[in-house]
Amino acid sequence: MRIEASEEMLMDSVERLNAAVGLLEKTVLWMEEREASMTGEVKKISAAIESERPRIEEELRQKLEAAEQQIAELKAQAAAPAARAVSARQTIPSTTAQLLAKQGISTLDSVEAGALDAALNGLSIEQRIAVKSQLMRAGVLV
């Protein structure tokens, strides 16, 4: 009787193992089907991305060109005020103009550093600084 019980238990175990094997086989088949369908989806997504790539690259290239053009325009605009400041009207106080005229400097367009220093030689250091600062504010000295 003991052998029969053992055989029955063994047969039960074998049946359960066979059932488990069947379930595992079904699971493996299901996973393989799912992997195949996912691989197809990944290929579709990859193909869609690859087909859009040239358009996206062209769009980015155009944006880069527009940005570079805008940078060039902004640099030109930044340089323009400096040119306008030089050609703008240069007004200095009349006392400074008279002082420079006495020293032979009548036109402010061509003031040379040596001529200005010679003209201001007779003044105190404070007066020289004041005259030069007025000329700088007027845009004559840079």
Protein backbone atom coordinates (compact mmCIF):
# COMPACT_ATOMS: atom_id res chain seq x y z
CA MET A 1 0.00 0.00 0.00
CA ARG A 2 2.76 2.32 0.69
CA ILE A 3 4.20 1.79 -2.77
CA GLU A 4 0.82 2.46 -4.34
CA ALA A 5 0.47 5.72 -2.40
CA SER A 6 3.93 6.69 -3.47
CA GLU A 7 3.12 5.89 -7.08
CA GLU A 8 -0.09 7.91 -6.86
CA MET A 9 1.76 10.88 -5.42
CA LEU A 10 4.36 10.54 -8.10
CA MET A 11 1.70 10.41 -10.82
CA ASP A 12 0.00 13.47 -9.33
CA SER A 13 3.30 15.32 -9.34
CA VAL A 14 3.95 14.29 -12.95
CA GLU A 15 0.47 15.50 -13.98
CA ARG A 16 0.99 18.82 -12.23
CA LEU A 17 4.40 19.20 -13.85
CA ASN A 18 2.89 18.41 -17.26
CA ALA A 19 0.19 21.03 -16.65
CA ALA A 20 2.87 23.56 -15.63
CA VAL A 21 4.88 22.73 -18.75
CA GLY A 22 1.78 23.29 -20.88
CA LEU A 23 1.18 26.69 -19.26
CA LEU A 24 4.82 27.63 -19.69
CA GLU A 25 4.69 26.69 -23.38
CA LYS A 26 1.57 28.83 -23.84
CA THR A 27 3.30 31.73 -22.08
CA VAL A 28 6.38 31.38 -24.27
CA LEU A 29 4.23 31.37 -27.42
CA TRP A 30 2.32 34.44 -26.23
CA MET A 31 5.60 36.26 -25.45
CA GLU A 32 7.04 35.38 -28.88
CA GLU A 33 3.91 36.70 -30.61
CA ARG A 34 4.04 39.87 -28.55
CA GLU A 35 7.74 40.36 -29.33
CA ALA A 36 7.05 39.93 -33.04
CA SER A 37 4.26 42.51 -32.98
CA MET A 38 6.41 44.93 -30.96
CA THR A 39 9.30 44.50 -33.38
CA GLY A 40 6.94 45.42 -36.21
CA GLU A 41 5.81 48.53 -34.32
CA VAL A 42 9.40 49.55 -33.62
CA LYS A 43 10.24 49.15 -37.30
CA LYS A 44 7.24 51.32 -38.24
CA ILE A 45 8.29 54.01 -35.77
CA SER A 46 11.89 53.90 -36.99
CA ALA A 47 10.74 54.18 -40.60
CA ALA A 48 8.53 57.15 -39.75
CA ILE A 49 11.40 58.92 -38.01
CA GLU A 50 13.82 58.20 -40.84
CA SER A 51 11.35 59.53 -43.42
CA GLU A 52 10.96 62.78 -41.43
CA ARG A 53 14.68 63.22 -40.82
CA PRO A 54 15.55 65.16 -44.02
CA ARG A 55 12.65 67.56 -43.47
CA ILE A 56 13.65 68.15 -39.85
CA GLU A 57 17.29 68.68 -40.82
CA GLU A 58 16.30 71.20 -43.48
CA GLU A 59 14.05 73.01 -41.03
CA LEU A 60 16.86 73.21 -38.47
CA ARG A 61 19.30 74.39 -41.15
CA GLN A 62 16.90 77.21 -42.11
CA LYS A 63 16.49 78.21 -38.47
CA LEU A 64 20.26 78.30 -38.05
CA GLU A 65 20.70 80.47 -41.14
CA ALA A 66 17.99 82.85 -39.90
CA ALA A 67 19.66 83.08 -36.49
CA GLU A 68 23.07 83.76 -38.07
CA GLN A 69 21.54 86.46 -40.27
CA GLN A 70 19.87 88.05 -37.26
CA ILE A 71 23.17 88.01 -35.37
CA ALA A 72 24.90 89.72 -38.30
CA GLU A 73 22.16 92.37 -38.44
CA LEU A 74 22.41 92.99 -34.70
CA LYS A 75 26.19 93.34 -34.96
CA ALA A 76 25.73 95.84 -37.79
CA GLN A 77 23.19 97.77 -35.72
CA ALA A 78 25.56 97.78 -32.76
CA ALA A 79 28.33 99.22 -34.93
CA ALA A 80 26.04 101.84 -36.50
CA PRO A 81 25.53 103.99 -33.36
CA ALA A 82 29.29 104.39 -33.04
CA ALA A 83 29.48 105.66 -36.61
CA ARG A 84 26.50 107.95 -36.04
CA ALA A 85 28.06 109.33 -32.85
CA VAL A 86 31.20 110.37 -34.72
CA SER A 87 29.26 112.10 -37.48
CA ALA A 88 26.79 113.74 -35.07
CA ARG A 89 26.94 117.42 -34.31
CA GLN A 90 29.70 118.21 -31.86
CA THR A 91 28.83 121.06 -29.54
CA ILE A 92 31.20 122.30 -26.88
CA PRO A 93 30.89 125.20 -24.47
CA SER A 94 31.83 128.57 -25.93
CA THR A 95 34.60 129.13 -23.36
CA THR A 96 36.28 125.90 -24.45
CA ALA A 97 35.91 126.85 -28.12
CA GLN A 98 37.43 130.28 -27.42
CA LEU A 99 40.33 128.76 -25.50
CA LEU A 100 41.08 126.35 -28.34
CA ALA A 101 40.72 129.14 -30.94
CA LYS A 102 43.31 131.24 -29.09
CA GLN A 103 45.73 128.33 -29.42
CA GLY A 104 45.05 127.95 -33.16
CA ILE A 105 42.60 125.05 -33.04
CA SER A 106 39.58 126.24 -34.99
CA THR A 107 38.11 123.03 -36.37
CA LEU A 108 37.08 120.28 -34.02
CA ASP A 109 37.08 117.57 -36.70
CA SER A 110 40.86 117.25 -36.75
CA VAL A 111 42.00 117.80 -33.17
CA GLU A 112 45.33 116.08 -32.67
CA ALA A 113 46.47 114.98 -29.25
CA GLY A 114 49.76 116.89 -29.48
CA ALA A 115 48.06 120.12 -30.55
CA LEU A 116 45.50 119.80 -27.77
CA ASP A 117 48.18 119.19 -25.14
CA ALA A 118 50.13 122.21 -26.41
CA ALA A 119 46.98 124.34 -26.31
CA LEU A 120 46.21 123.31 -22.76
CA ASN A 121 49.80 123.62 -21.54
CA GLY A 122 49.21 126.98 -19.85
CA LEU A 123 46.26 125.73 -17.81
CA SER A 124 46.26 124.05 -14.43
CA ILE A 125 45.75 120.29 -14.29
CA GLU A 126 42.14 120.72 -13.10
CA GLN A 127 41.36 123.02 -16.02
CA ARG A 128 42.99 120.61 -18.49
CA ILE A 129 40.86 117.76 -17.13
CA ALA A 130 37.72 119.92 -17.36
CA VAL A 131 38.42 120.90 -20.99
CA LYS A 132 39.23 117.33 -22.03
CA SER A 133 36.09 115.99 -20.32
CA GLN A 134 33.98 118.60 -22.15
CA LEU A 135 35.57 117.58 -25.45
CA MET A 136 34.93 113.90 -24.66
CA ARG A 137 31.27 114.59 -23.83
CA ALA A 138 30.91 116.46 -27.11
CA GLY A 139 32.39 113.51 -28.96
CA VAL A 140 35.46 115.33 -30.22
CA LEU A 141 37.89 113.22 -28.19
CA VAL A 142 37.59 109.49 -28.11
